[in-house]
Amino acid sequence: QLKNGDRVGLIGHNGSGKTTLLRVLAGIYEPEQGKVRIEGNVAALFDIVGLGMDPDSTGYEAIVVRGTVFGLSMKEIKQKVNDIADFSELGDYLHMPIRTYSSGMAVRLGFAIVTSIHPDILLLDEVVGAGDAAFIKKAEKRLERFVGAANILVLASHSTDVLERFCDTGIVLQHGEIAMTGKIGDAVKYYTESVRTQ
C-alpha cells in the first residue's frame, strides 16, 4: 500500500521483475493474483523517446501527440509548448521531422515533454541522461522538481545513487518475488551484499 509522500525504489538484477511490477501498477499488465486499486492520475514513463514520437512528425507535432497521450487537453498543451520548446533548446529544429534529429536531440525533446506534466502517481523506469554536461545539469534540476511534484513515486533503477537521491523506501526484487522491503539505504545494502554472494 502506497500513500501520498511515498518515494519507492525498485532494486534488482535484470529480469527480477522491476519493469513488470511498474507495468502492473500502470494498468498495462493485469495482475495474475490480487488486485491493483489506483486513486489519482498516473504517469508511466517507461520510454521517454518512443511513445508519440513518429519520425515523420515535427517536434511541435510530437508535443501535441505526446501531451494527448498523457491526458492533457489542447488548452493545457498550448500552455506548455513554449516551456517545452525553451527547455529542449531545439529552436527551429522543432519545425523539422524528428527523423532529422540526432538521438540526443530526440531525448531532449522527449524529456522536456514528459517532465512538463504533473501526475499524482509517477512510475519511472530508469532516469535518462539527456545530452551534454550543461544540459544534463539543467535536466537534473527539472527532474527533481518533476519528481517532487508527484504525490507518489515508484522508480526502478540500477543506479544506487539515483535510488538513494530520490527514494526513501526500497523494495528488492528477485525472480519476480519481493526479497526485502525497508529504508532505501538498507535495501541498497541488502541488494549489494546479495550480488556479492552470488
N, C-alpha and C. Protein backbone atom coordinates (compact mmCIF):
# COMPACT_ATOMS: atom_id res chain seq x y z
N GLN A 1 0.86 -1.19 0.00
CA GLN A 1 0.00 0.00 0.00
C GLN A 1 0.89 1.24 0.00
N LEU A 2 0.65 2.12 -0.97
CA LEU A 2 1.42 3.35 -1.07
C LEU A 2 0.50 4.53 -0.77
N LYS A 3 1.06 5.52 -0.09
CA LYS A 3 0.28 6.70 0.27
C LYS A 3 1.02 7.96 -0.16
N ASN A 4 0.32 9.09 -0.12
CA ASN A 4 0.92 10.35 -0.53
C ASN A 4 2.24 10.59 0.20
N GLY A 5 3.23 11.00 -0.56
CA GLY A 5 4.55 11.27 0.01
C GLY A 5 5.52 10.12 -0.13
N ASP A 6 5.03 8.93 -0.51
CA ASP A 6 5.93 7.78 -0.63
C ASP A 6 6.83 7.93 -1.85
N ARG A 7 8.08 7.55 -1.66
CA ARG A 7 9.11 7.55 -2.71
C ARG A 7 9.77 6.18 -2.67
N VAL A 8 9.35 5.30 -3.57
CA VAL A 8 9.74 3.89 -3.51
C VAL A 8 10.70 3.56 -4.64
N GLY A 9 11.83 2.95 -4.30
CA GLY A 9 12.79 2.50 -5.29
C GLY A 9 12.71 0.99 -5.46
N LEU A 10 12.64 0.54 -6.70
CA LEU A 10 12.65 -0.90 -7.02
C LEU A 10 14.08 -1.29 -7.41
N ILE A 11 14.62 -2.27 -6.70
CA ILE A 11 16.01 -2.67 -6.88
C ILE A 11 16.04 -4.14 -7.26
N GLY A 12 16.91 -4.50 -8.20
CA GLY A 12 17.05 -5.90 -8.57
C GLY A 12 17.82 -6.05 -9.86
N HIS A 13 18.27 -7.28 -10.11
CA HIS A 13 19.02 -7.58 -11.32
C HIS A 13 18.09 -7.53 -12.53
N ASN A 14 18.65 -7.57 -13.73
CA ASN A 14 17.83 -7.66 -14.95
C ASN A 14 16.96 -8.92 -14.87
N GLY A 15 15.68 -8.76 -15.14
CA GLY A 15 14.78 -9.90 -15.10
C GLY A 15 14.19 -10.18 -13.72
N SER A 16 14.46 -9.29 -12.75
CA SER A 16 13.95 -9.53 -11.39
C SER A 16 12.47 -9.17 -11.24
N GLY A 17 11.93 -8.38 -12.18
CA GLY A 17 10.51 -8.04 -12.12
C GLY A 17 10.22 -6.56 -11.91
N LYS A 18 11.24 -5.71 -11.96
CA LYS A 18 11.03 -4.28 -11.72
C LYS A 18 10.09 -3.65 -12.75
N THR A 19 10.41 -3.83 -14.03
CA THR A 19 9.60 -3.24 -15.09
C THR A 19 8.22 -3.88 -15.13
N THR A 20 8.16 -5.19 -14.90
CA THR A 20 6.86 -5.88 -14.89
C THR A 20 5.97 -5.30 -13.79
N LEU A 21 6.52 -5.09 -12.59
CA LEU A 21 5.74 -4.52 -11.50
C LEU A 21 5.26 -3.12 -11.86
N LEU A 22 6.12 -2.30 -12.45
CA LEU A 22 5.70 -0.97 -12.87
C LEU A 22 4.56 -1.04 -13.89
N ARG A 23 4.64 -1.99 -14.79
CA ARG A 23 3.60 -2.12 -15.82
C ARG A 23 2.29 -2.63 -15.23
N VAL A 24 2.36 -3.43 -14.20
CA VAL A 24 1.13 -3.85 -13.49
C VAL A 24 0.52 -2.63 -12.80
N LEU A 25 1.36 -1.83 -12.14
CA LEU A 25 0.86 -0.63 -11.45
C LEU A 25 0.26 0.37 -12.44
N ALA A 26 0.80 0.39 -13.66
CA ALA A 26 0.31 1.32 -14.68
C ALA A 26 -0.95 0.83 -15.37
N GLY A 27 -1.32 -0.44 -15.14
CA GLY A 27 -2.50 -0.99 -15.79
C GLY A 27 -2.22 -1.57 -17.17
N ILE A 28 -0.94 -1.66 -17.54
CA ILE A 28 -0.56 -2.25 -18.83
C ILE A 28 -0.72 -3.76 -18.77
N TYR A 29 -0.30 -4.37 -17.65
CA TYR A 29 -0.47 -5.81 -17.42
C TYR A 29 -1.52 -6.00 -16.34
N GLU A 30 -2.31 -7.05 -16.51
CA GLU A 30 -3.26 -7.44 -15.46
C GLU A 30 -2.52 -8.31 -14.44
N PRO A 31 -2.75 -8.11 -13.14
CA PRO A 31 -2.11 -9.00 -12.16
C PRO A 31 -2.69 -10.41 -12.25
N GLU A 32 -1.83 -11.41 -12.10
CA GLU A 32 -2.29 -12.80 -12.12
C GLU A 32 -3.01 -13.16 -10.83
N GLN A 33 -2.64 -12.49 -9.74
CA GLN A 33 -3.31 -12.68 -8.45
C GLN A 33 -3.52 -11.31 -7.83
N GLY A 34 -4.56 -11.19 -7.02
CA GLY A 34 -4.81 -9.94 -6.33
C GLY A 34 -5.36 -8.86 -7.24
N LYS A 35 -5.44 -7.65 -6.72
CA LYS A 35 -5.99 -6.52 -7.46
C LYS A 35 -5.12 -5.29 -7.22
N VAL A 36 -5.16 -4.38 -8.18
CA VAL A 36 -4.48 -3.09 -8.05
C VAL A 36 -5.56 -2.02 -8.03
N ARG A 37 -5.56 -1.19 -6.98
CA ARG A 37 -6.51 -0.08 -6.91
C ARG A 37 -5.71 1.22 -6.91
N ILE A 38 -6.00 2.07 -7.88
CA ILE A 38 -5.28 3.33 -8.05
C ILE A 38 -6.25 4.48 -7.79
N GLU A 39 -5.82 5.44 -6.99
CA GLU A 39 -6.58 6.67 -6.79
C GLU A 39 -5.69 7.83 -7.22
N GLY A 40 -6.10 8.53 -8.28
CA GLY A 40 -5.30 9.64 -8.81
C GLY A 40 -4.82 9.32 -10.21
N ASN A 41 -4.30 10.36 -10.89
CA ASN A 41 -3.82 10.13 -12.26
C ASN A 41 -2.38 9.63 -12.23
N VAL A 42 -2.09 8.71 -13.16
CA VAL A 42 -0.79 8.04 -13.21
C VAL A 42 -0.05 8.45 -14.47
N ALA A 43 1.23 8.78 -14.31
CA ALA A 43 2.11 8.95 -15.48
C ALA A 43 3.13 7.83 -15.41
N ALA A 44 3.12 6.98 -16.43
CA ALA A 44 4.06 5.87 -16.50
C ALA A 44 5.08 6.20 -17.58
N LEU A 45 6.29 6.51 -17.17
CA LEU A 45 7.31 6.96 -18.11
C LEU A 45 8.35 5.86 -18.28
N PHE A 46 8.08 4.98 -19.24
CA PHE A 46 8.97 3.85 -19.48
C PHE A 46 9.83 4.07 -20.71
N ASP A 47 9.36 4.88 -21.64
CA ASP A 47 10.09 5.10 -22.89
C ASP A 47 10.01 6.58 -23.20
N ILE A 48 10.98 7.33 -22.69
CA ILE A 48 10.93 8.79 -22.79
C ILE A 48 10.90 9.24 -24.24
N VAL A 49 11.59 8.53 -25.13
CA VAL A 49 11.66 8.97 -26.52
C VAL A 49 10.56 8.36 -27.39
N GLY A 50 10.24 7.08 -27.20
CA GLY A 50 9.45 6.36 -28.18
C GLY A 50 8.00 6.78 -28.36
N LEU A 51 7.23 6.80 -27.28
CA LEU A 51 5.79 6.95 -27.38
C LEU A 51 5.38 8.31 -27.96
N GLY A 52 4.64 8.30 -29.05
CA GLY A 52 4.16 9.54 -29.64
C GLY A 52 5.22 10.30 -30.42
N MET A 53 6.34 9.66 -30.75
CA MET A 53 7.41 10.33 -31.46
C MET A 53 7.55 9.73 -32.86
N ASP A 54 6.55 9.93 -33.71
CA ASP A 54 6.58 9.47 -35.10
C ASP A 54 7.74 10.17 -35.80
N PRO A 55 8.64 9.42 -36.44
CA PRO A 55 9.81 10.04 -37.07
C PRO A 55 9.46 11.07 -38.14
N ASP A 56 8.27 10.96 -38.74
CA ASP A 56 7.88 11.92 -39.78
C ASP A 56 7.17 13.15 -39.21
N SER A 57 6.86 13.13 -37.92
CA SER A 57 6.24 14.29 -37.27
C SER A 57 7.30 15.33 -36.94
N THR A 58 6.88 16.58 -36.92
CA THR A 58 7.78 17.63 -36.45
C THR A 58 7.84 17.57 -34.92
N GLY A 59 8.79 18.27 -34.35
CA GLY A 59 8.88 18.36 -32.90
C GLY A 59 7.61 18.92 -32.28
N TYR A 60 7.05 19.96 -32.92
CA TYR A 60 5.82 20.55 -32.39
C TYR A 60 4.66 19.57 -32.45
N GLU A 61 4.58 18.79 -33.53
CA GLU A 61 3.51 17.78 -33.62
C GLU A 61 3.69 16.71 -32.55
N ALA A 62 4.93 16.34 -32.27
CA ALA A 62 5.20 15.35 -31.21
C ALA A 62 4.76 15.87 -29.85
N ILE A 63 4.93 17.16 -29.61
CA ILE A 63 4.50 17.75 -28.33
C ILE A 63 2.98 17.57 -28.18
N VAL A 64 2.23 17.82 -29.25
CA VAL A 64 0.77 17.70 -29.19
C VAL A 64 0.36 16.24 -28.98
N VAL A 65 0.95 15.32 -29.76
CA VAL A 65 0.58 13.90 -29.64
C VAL A 65 0.94 13.38 -28.27
N ARG A 66 2.14 13.68 -27.82
CA ARG A 66 2.60 13.18 -26.51
C ARG A 66 1.76 13.75 -25.38
N GLY A 67 1.43 15.04 -25.47
CA GLY A 67 0.57 15.66 -24.46
C GLY A 67 -0.79 14.99 -24.41
N THR A 68 -1.34 14.66 -25.58
CA THR A 68 -2.64 13.98 -25.65
C THR A 68 -2.55 12.59 -25.00
N VAL A 69 -1.45 11.87 -25.28
CA VAL A 69 -1.24 10.54 -24.68
C VAL A 69 -1.28 10.64 -23.16
N PHE A 70 -0.72 11.72 -22.62
CA PHE A 70 -0.69 11.90 -21.16
C PHE A 70 -1.96 12.52 -20.61
N GLY A 71 -2.99 12.67 -21.46
CA GLY A 71 -4.29 13.12 -20.98
C GLY A 71 -4.46 14.62 -20.87
N LEU A 72 -3.58 15.39 -21.50
CA LEU A 72 -3.71 16.85 -21.45
C LEU A 72 -4.70 17.32 -22.50
N SER A 73 -5.43 18.39 -22.19
CA SER A 73 -6.32 19.00 -23.17
C SER A 73 -5.48 19.85 -24.12
N MET A 74 -6.06 20.24 -25.26
CA MET A 74 -5.33 21.10 -26.20
C MET A 74 -4.96 22.43 -25.54
N LYS A 75 -5.84 22.93 -24.68
CA LYS A 75 -5.55 24.18 -23.97
C LYS A 75 -4.31 24.01 -23.08
N GLU A 76 -4.25 22.88 -22.35
CA GLU A 76 -3.09 22.62 -21.48
C GLU A 76 -1.82 22.44 -22.29
N ILE A 77 -1.93 21.76 -23.43
CA ILE A 77 -0.76 21.56 -24.29
C ILE A 77 -0.24 22.90 -24.79
N LYS A 78 -1.15 23.77 -25.26
CA LYS A 78 -0.74 25.09 -25.76
C LYS A 78 -0.05 25.91 -24.68
N GLN A 79 -0.50 25.76 -23.44
CA GLN A 79 0.12 26.49 -22.33
C GLN A 79 1.55 26.00 -22.04
N LYS A 80 1.84 24.74 -22.42
CA LYS A 80 3.14 24.15 -22.11
C LYS A 80 4.14 24.21 -23.27
N VAL A 81 3.66 24.52 -24.48
CA VAL A 81 4.52 24.44 -25.66
C VAL A 81 5.77 25.30 -25.53
N ASN A 82 5.62 26.54 -25.11
CA ASN A 82 6.79 27.43 -25.02
C ASN A 82 7.80 26.94 -24.00
N ASP A 83 7.32 26.45 -22.87
CA ASP A 83 8.22 25.92 -21.84
C ASP A 83 8.98 24.71 -22.37
N ILE A 84 8.27 23.82 -23.06
CA ILE A 84 8.90 22.62 -23.63
C ILE A 84 9.94 23.01 -24.67
N ALA A 85 9.57 23.95 -25.56
CA ALA A 85 10.50 24.39 -26.61
C ALA A 85 11.73 25.04 -26.00
N ASP A 86 11.54 25.91 -25.02
CA ASP A 86 12.68 26.59 -24.38
C ASP A 86 13.60 25.60 -23.69
N PHE A 87 12.99 24.66 -22.96
CA PHE A 87 13.82 23.72 -22.20
C PHE A 87 14.60 22.80 -23.13
N SER A 88 13.99 22.38 -24.22
CA SER A 88 14.66 21.44 -25.13
C SER A 88 15.83 22.07 -25.87
N GLU A 89 15.82 23.41 -26.00
CA GLU A 89 16.88 24.16 -26.69
C GLU A 89 17.00 23.73 -28.16
N LEU A 90 15.90 23.27 -28.77
CA LEU A 90 15.96 22.80 -30.15
C LEU A 90 15.63 23.87 -31.18
N GLY A 91 15.08 25.00 -30.74
CA GLY A 91 14.84 26.12 -31.64
C GLY A 91 14.07 25.74 -32.89
N ASP A 92 14.63 26.12 -34.06
CA ASP A 92 13.95 25.89 -35.34
C ASP A 92 13.84 24.41 -35.70
N TYR A 93 14.63 23.56 -35.05
CA TYR A 93 14.52 22.12 -35.32
C TYR A 93 13.13 21.58 -34.97
N LEU A 94 12.41 22.27 -34.09
CA LEU A 94 11.07 21.81 -33.72
C LEU A 94 10.10 21.86 -34.91
N HIS A 95 10.46 22.60 -35.96
CA HIS A 95 9.65 22.64 -37.18
C HIS A 95 10.02 21.52 -38.15
N MET A 96 11.07 20.77 -37.81
CA MET A 96 11.59 19.73 -38.72
C MET A 96 11.15 18.34 -38.26
N PRO A 97 11.13 17.36 -39.19
CA PRO A 97 10.77 15.99 -38.80
C PRO A 97 11.77 15.41 -37.80
N ILE A 98 11.25 14.59 -36.89
CA ILE A 98 12.10 14.01 -35.85
C ILE A 98 13.15 13.08 -36.45
N ARG A 99 12.89 12.52 -37.63
CA ARG A 99 13.89 11.64 -38.25
C ARG A 99 15.19 12.39 -38.57
N THR A 100 15.13 13.73 -38.60
CA THR A 100 16.35 14.51 -38.87
C THR A 100 17.12 14.81 -37.58
N TYR A 101 16.58 14.41 -36.42
CA TYR A 101 17.21 14.69 -35.13
C TYR A 101 18.30 13.66 -34.83
N SER A 102 19.31 14.07 -34.11
CA SER A 102 20.23 13.11 -33.52
C SER A 102 19.51 12.43 -32.36
N SER A 103 20.05 11.31 -31.86
CA SER A 103 19.40 10.63 -30.73
C SER A 103 19.37 11.56 -29.51
N GLY A 104 20.42 12.36 -29.33
CA GLY A 104 20.44 13.30 -28.19
C GLY A 104 19.36 14.35 -28.28
N MET A 105 19.09 14.83 -29.50
CA MET A 105 18.03 15.83 -29.70
C MET A 105 16.67 15.22 -29.39
N ALA A 106 16.45 13.97 -29.84
CA ALA A 106 15.18 13.30 -29.59
C ALA A 106 14.97 13.09 -28.09
N VAL A 107 16.04 12.72 -27.37
CA VAL A 107 15.94 12.54 -25.92
C VAL A 107 15.61 13.86 -25.25
N ARG A 108 16.25 14.94 -25.68
CA ARG A 108 15.95 16.27 -25.11
C ARG A 108 14.48 16.62 -25.25
N LEU A 109 13.95 16.41 -26.47
CA LEU A 109 12.54 16.73 -26.70
C LEU A 109 11.64 15.84 -25.85
N GLY A 110 11.88 14.53 -25.87
CA GLY A 110 11.06 13.61 -25.07
C GLY A 110 11.11 13.96 -23.60
N PHE A 111 12.31 14.25 -23.09
CA PHE A 111 12.47 14.60 -21.68
C PHE A 111 11.72 15.88 -21.35
N ALA A 112 11.83 16.89 -22.22
CA ALA A 112 11.14 18.17 -21.98
C ALA A 112 9.63 17.98 -21.93
N ILE A 113 9.12 17.10 -22.81
CA ILE A 113 7.67 16.88 -22.85
C ILE A 113 7.20 16.16 -21.59
N VAL A 114 7.83 15.04 -21.26
CA VAL A 114 7.31 14.23 -20.15
C VAL A 114 7.46 14.94 -18.81
N THR A 115 8.47 15.78 -18.67
CA THR A 115 8.65 16.47 -17.38
C THR A 115 7.82 17.75 -17.28
N SER A 116 6.98 18.00 -18.28
CA SER A 116 6.10 19.17 -18.21
C SER A 116 4.74 18.83 -17.61
N ILE A 117 4.48 17.53 -17.38
CA ILE A 117 3.19 17.13 -16.80
C ILE A 117 3.33 17.00 -15.27
N HIS A 118 2.19 16.96 -14.58
CA HIS A 118 2.21 16.89 -13.11
C HIS A 118 1.28 15.79 -12.63
N PRO A 119 1.76 14.55 -12.61
CA PRO A 119 0.90 13.42 -12.21
C PRO A 119 0.79 13.30 -10.68
N ASP A 120 -0.29 12.63 -10.22
CA ASP A 120 -0.39 12.28 -8.80
C ASP A 120 0.58 11.15 -8.49
N ILE A 121 0.65 10.17 -9.40
CA ILE A 121 1.49 8.99 -9.21
C ILE A 121 2.44 8.88 -10.40
N LEU A 122 3.72 8.86 -10.10
CA LEU A 122 4.74 8.82 -11.15
C LEU A 122 5.47 7.49 -11.10
N LEU A 123 5.42 6.77 -12.23
CA LEU A 123 6.12 5.50 -12.37
C LEU A 123 7.27 5.71 -13.35
N LEU A 124 8.50 5.54 -12.89
CA LEU A 124 9.68 5.80 -13.72
C LEU A 124 10.53 4.55 -13.84
N ASP A 125 10.91 4.21 -15.06
CA ASP A 125 11.81 3.08 -15.31
C ASP A 125 13.12 3.65 -15.81
N GLU A 126 14.07 3.76 -14.92
CA GLU A 126 15.38 4.38 -15.17
C GLU A 126 15.22 5.88 -15.41
N VAL A 127 16.30 6.61 -15.22
CA VAL A 127 16.34 8.04 -15.45
C VAL A 127 17.34 8.24 -16.58
N VAL A 128 16.94 9.01 -17.58
CA VAL A 128 17.73 9.11 -18.80
C VAL A 128 18.64 10.32 -18.77
N GLY A 129 19.91 10.13 -19.13
CA GLY A 129 20.81 11.25 -19.36
C GLY A 129 20.41 11.88 -20.69
N ALA A 130 20.54 13.19 -20.81
CA ALA A 130 19.98 13.87 -21.98
C ALA A 130 20.94 14.84 -22.62
N GLY A 131 22.10 14.36 -23.08
CA GLY A 131 22.96 15.22 -23.87
C GLY A 131 24.22 15.66 -23.16
N ASP A 132 24.67 16.88 -23.49
CA ASP A 132 25.94 17.37 -22.97
C ASP A 132 25.84 17.68 -21.48
N ALA A 133 27.00 17.95 -20.88
CA ALA A 133 27.08 18.13 -19.42
C ALA A 133 26.20 19.27 -18.93
N ALA A 134 26.19 20.39 -19.66
CA ALA A 134 25.39 21.55 -19.24
C ALA A 134 23.91 21.21 -19.26
N PHE A 135 23.48 20.49 -20.31
CA PHE A 135 22.06 20.13 -20.41
C PHE A 135 21.69 19.12 -19.33
N ILE A 136 22.58 18.15 -19.07
CA ILE A 136 22.29 17.15 -18.04
C ILE A 136 22.10 17.81 -16.69
N LYS A 137 22.92 18.82 -16.37
CA LYS A 137 22.77 19.54 -15.10
C LYS A 137 21.41 20.23 -15.03
N LYS A 138 21.02 20.87 -16.13
CA LYS A 138 19.71 21.53 -16.21
C LYS A 138 18.59 20.50 -16.10
N ALA A 139 18.79 19.33 -16.76
CA ALA A 139 17.78 18.27 -16.74
C ALA A 139 17.60 17.72 -15.33
N GLU A 140 18.69 17.59 -14.58
CA GLU A 140 18.60 17.06 -13.22
C GLU A 140 17.76 17.97 -12.33
N LYS A 141 17.93 19.28 -12.47
CA LYS A 141 17.13 20.23 -11.68
C LYS A 141 15.65 20.09 -12.02
N ARG A 142 15.36 19.97 -13.32
CA ARG A 142 13.97 19.83 -13.75
C ARG A 142 13.39 18.51 -13.27
N LEU A 143 14.19 17.45 -13.31
CA LEU A 143 13.74 16.14 -12.86
C LEU A 143 13.41 16.18 -11.37
N GLU A 144 14.23 16.87 -10.58
CA GLU A 144 13.95 16.99 -9.14
C GLU A 144 12.61 17.66 -8.89
N ARG A 145 12.32 18.74 -9.63
CA ARG A 145 11.02 19.42 -9.48
C ARG A 145 9.88 18.51 -9.92
N PHE A 146 10.09 17.79 -11.02
CA PHE A 146 9.09 16.88 -11.59
C PHE A 146 8.75 15.78 -10.59
N VAL A 147 9.78 15.14 -10.03
CA VAL A 147 9.59 14.08 -9.05
C VAL A 147 8.95 14.64 -7.78
N GLY A 148 9.42 15.82 -7.37
CA GLY A 148 8.90 16.45 -6.15
C GLY A 148 7.43 16.79 -6.24
N ALA A 149 6.95 17.07 -7.46
CA ALA A 149 5.54 17.47 -7.63
C ALA A 149 4.59 16.28 -7.57
N ALA A 150 5.10 15.07 -7.78
CA ALA A 150 4.24 13.87 -7.74
C ALA A 150 3.93 13.51 -6.29
N ASN A 151 2.71 13.06 -6.04
CA ASN A 151 2.35 12.63 -4.68
C ASN A 151 3.04 11.32 -4.32
N ILE A 152 3.16 10.43 -5.30
CA ILE A 152 3.78 9.12 -5.08
C ILE A 152 4.76 8.86 -6.23
N LEU A 153 5.94 8.36 -5.89
CA LEU A 153 6.93 7.98 -6.90
C LEU A 153 7.28 6.52 -6.72
N VAL A 154 7.28 5.77 -7.84
CA VAL A 154 7.84 4.42 -7.86
C VAL A 154 8.88 4.41 -8.98
N LEU A 155 10.14 4.21 -8.60
CA LEU A 155 11.26 4.33 -9.53
C LEU A 155 12.07 3.04 -9.56
N ALA A 156 12.23 2.49 -10.77
CA ALA A 156 13.10 1.33 -10.95
C ALA A 156 14.41 1.81 -11.55
N SER A 157 15.52 1.41 -10.95
CA SER A 157 16.81 1.84 -11.47
C SER A 157 17.91 0.88 -11.04
N HIS A 158 18.97 0.85 -11.87
CA HIS A 158 20.17 0.11 -11.48
C HIS A 158 21.16 1.02 -10.77
N SER A 159 20.90 2.32 -10.77
CA SER A 159 21.81 3.27 -10.15
C SER A 159 21.45 3.47 -8.68
N THR A 160 22.33 3.01 -7.80
CA THR A 160 22.06 3.19 -6.36
C THR A 160 22.10 4.67 -5.99
N ASP A 161 22.92 5.46 -6.70
CA ASP A 161 22.96 6.91 -6.43
C ASP A 161 21.61 7.55 -6.71
N VAL A 162 21.01 7.20 -7.85
CA VAL A 162 19.70 7.74 -8.21
C VAL A 162 18.64 7.30 -7.21
N LEU A 163 18.66 6.02 -6.84
CA LEU A 163 17.68 5.49 -5.89
C LEU A 163 17.79 6.19 -4.54
N GLU A 164 19.00 6.36 -4.05
CA GLU A 164 19.18 7.00 -2.74
C GLU A 164 18.88 8.49 -2.79
N ARG A 165 19.00 9.08 -3.96
CA ARG A 165 18.72 10.50 -4.09
C ARG A 165 17.22 10.79 -4.10
N PHE A 166 16.44 9.93 -4.78
CA PHE A 166 15.02 10.22 -4.98
C PHE A 166 14.07 9.42 -4.09
N CYS A 167 14.54 8.34 -3.49
CA CYS A 167 13.63 7.43 -2.78
C CYS A 167 13.95 7.37 -1.29
N ASP A 168 12.94 7.03 -0.48
CA ASP A 168 13.17 6.81 0.95
C ASP A 168 12.91 5.35 1.34
N THR A 169 12.18 4.63 0.51
CA THR A 169 11.89 3.22 0.75
C THR A 169 12.41 2.39 -0.43
N GLY A 170 12.91 1.20 -0.13
CA GLY A 170 13.39 0.32 -1.19
C GLY A 170 12.70 -1.03 -1.14
N ILE A 171 12.43 -1.56 -2.32
CA ILE A 171 11.91 -2.93 -2.45
C ILE A 171 12.90 -3.69 -3.32
N VAL A 172 13.48 -4.75 -2.77
CA VAL A 172 14.41 -5.58 -3.52
C VAL A 172 13.63 -6.74 -4.12
N LEU A 173 13.74 -6.89 -5.45
CA LEU A 173 13.06 -7.96 -6.16
C LEU A 173 14.07 -9.00 -6.64
N GLN A 174 13.68 -10.26 -6.51
CA GLN A 174 14.49 -11.36 -7.02
C GLN A 174 13.56 -12.37 -7.68
N HIS A 175 13.73 -12.57 -8.98
CA HIS A 175 12.94 -13.54 -9.75
C HIS A 175 11.43 -13.35 -9.55
N GLY A 176 11.00 -12.08 -9.59
CA GLY A 176 9.58 -11.78 -9.50
C GLY A 176 8.99 -11.82 -8.10
N GLU A 177 9.83 -11.99 -7.10
CA GLU A 177 9.36 -12.02 -5.70
C GLU A 177 10.01 -10.89 -4.91
N ILE A 178 9.31 -10.39 -3.91
CA ILE A 178 9.89 -9.38 -3.02
C ILE A 178 10.81 -10.09 -2.03
N ALA A 179 12.09 -9.74 -2.10
CA ALA A 179 13.08 -10.36 -1.21
C ALA A 179 13.25 -9.54 0.07
N MET A 180 13.03 -8.21 -0.03
CA MET A 180 13.25 -7.35 1.13
C MET A 180 12.58 -6.00 0.89
N THR A 181 12.02 -5.43 1.93
CA THR A 181 11.47 -4.08 1.90
C THR A 181 11.98 -3.34 3.12
N GLY A 182 12.40 -2.10 2.94
CA GLY A 182 12.89 -1.32 4.08
C GLY A 182 13.36 0.05 3.64
N LYS A 183 14.08 0.73 4.52
CA LYS A 183 14.64 2.03 4.18
C LYS A 183 15.56 1.86 2.97
N ILE A 184 15.64 2.89 2.13
CA ILE A 184 16.37 2.76 0.87
C ILE A 184 17.83 2.36 1.10
N GLY A 185 18.48 2.93 2.10
CA GLY A 185 19.87 2.58 2.38
C GLY A 185 20.02 1.12 2.74
N ASP A 186 19.09 0.61 3.55
CA ASP A 186 19.12 -0.81 3.95
C ASP A 186 18.86 -1.72 2.75
N ALA A 187 17.93 -1.30 1.88
CA ALA A 187 17.59 -2.10 0.70
C ALA A 187 18.77 -2.16 -0.27
N VAL A 188 19.44 -1.03 -0.46
CA VAL A 188 20.61 -0.99 -1.34
C VAL A 188 21.71 -1.89 -0.78
N LYS A 189 21.92 -1.83 0.54
CA LYS A 189 22.95 -2.66 1.17
C LYS A 189 22.60 -4.14 1.02
N TYR A 190 21.34 -4.50 1.24
CA TYR A 190 20.89 -5.88 1.10
C TYR A 190 21.16 -6.38 -0.32
N TYR A 191 20.78 -5.57 -1.30
CA TYR A 191 20.96 -5.96 -2.70
C TYR A 191 22.44 -6.10 -3.05
N THR A 192 23.24 -5.13 -2.64
CA THR A 192 24.67 -5.16 -2.94
C THR A 192 25.33 -6.40 -2.34
N GLU A 193 24.96 -6.73 -1.11
CA GLU A 193 25.55 -7.92 -0.46
C GLU A 193 25.05 -9.20 -1.11
N SER A 194 23.80 -9.22 -1.56
CA SER A 194 23.28 -10.43 -2.21
C SER A 194 23.95 -10.65 -3.57
N VAL A 195 24.31 -9.57 -4.26
CA VAL A 195 25.02 -9.70 -5.53
C VAL A 195 26.42 -10.25 -5.29
N ARG A 196 27.07 -9.79 -4.22
CA ARG A 196 28.42 -10.25 -3.89
C ARG A 196 28.46 -11.75 -3.59
N THR A 197 27.41 -12.25 -2.94
CA THR A 197 27.40 -13.65 -2.51
C THR A 197 27.00 -14.62 -3.62
N GLN A 198 26.47 -14.06 -4.74
CA GLN A 198 26.03 -14.95 -5.83
C GLN A 198 27.20 -15.33 -6.72
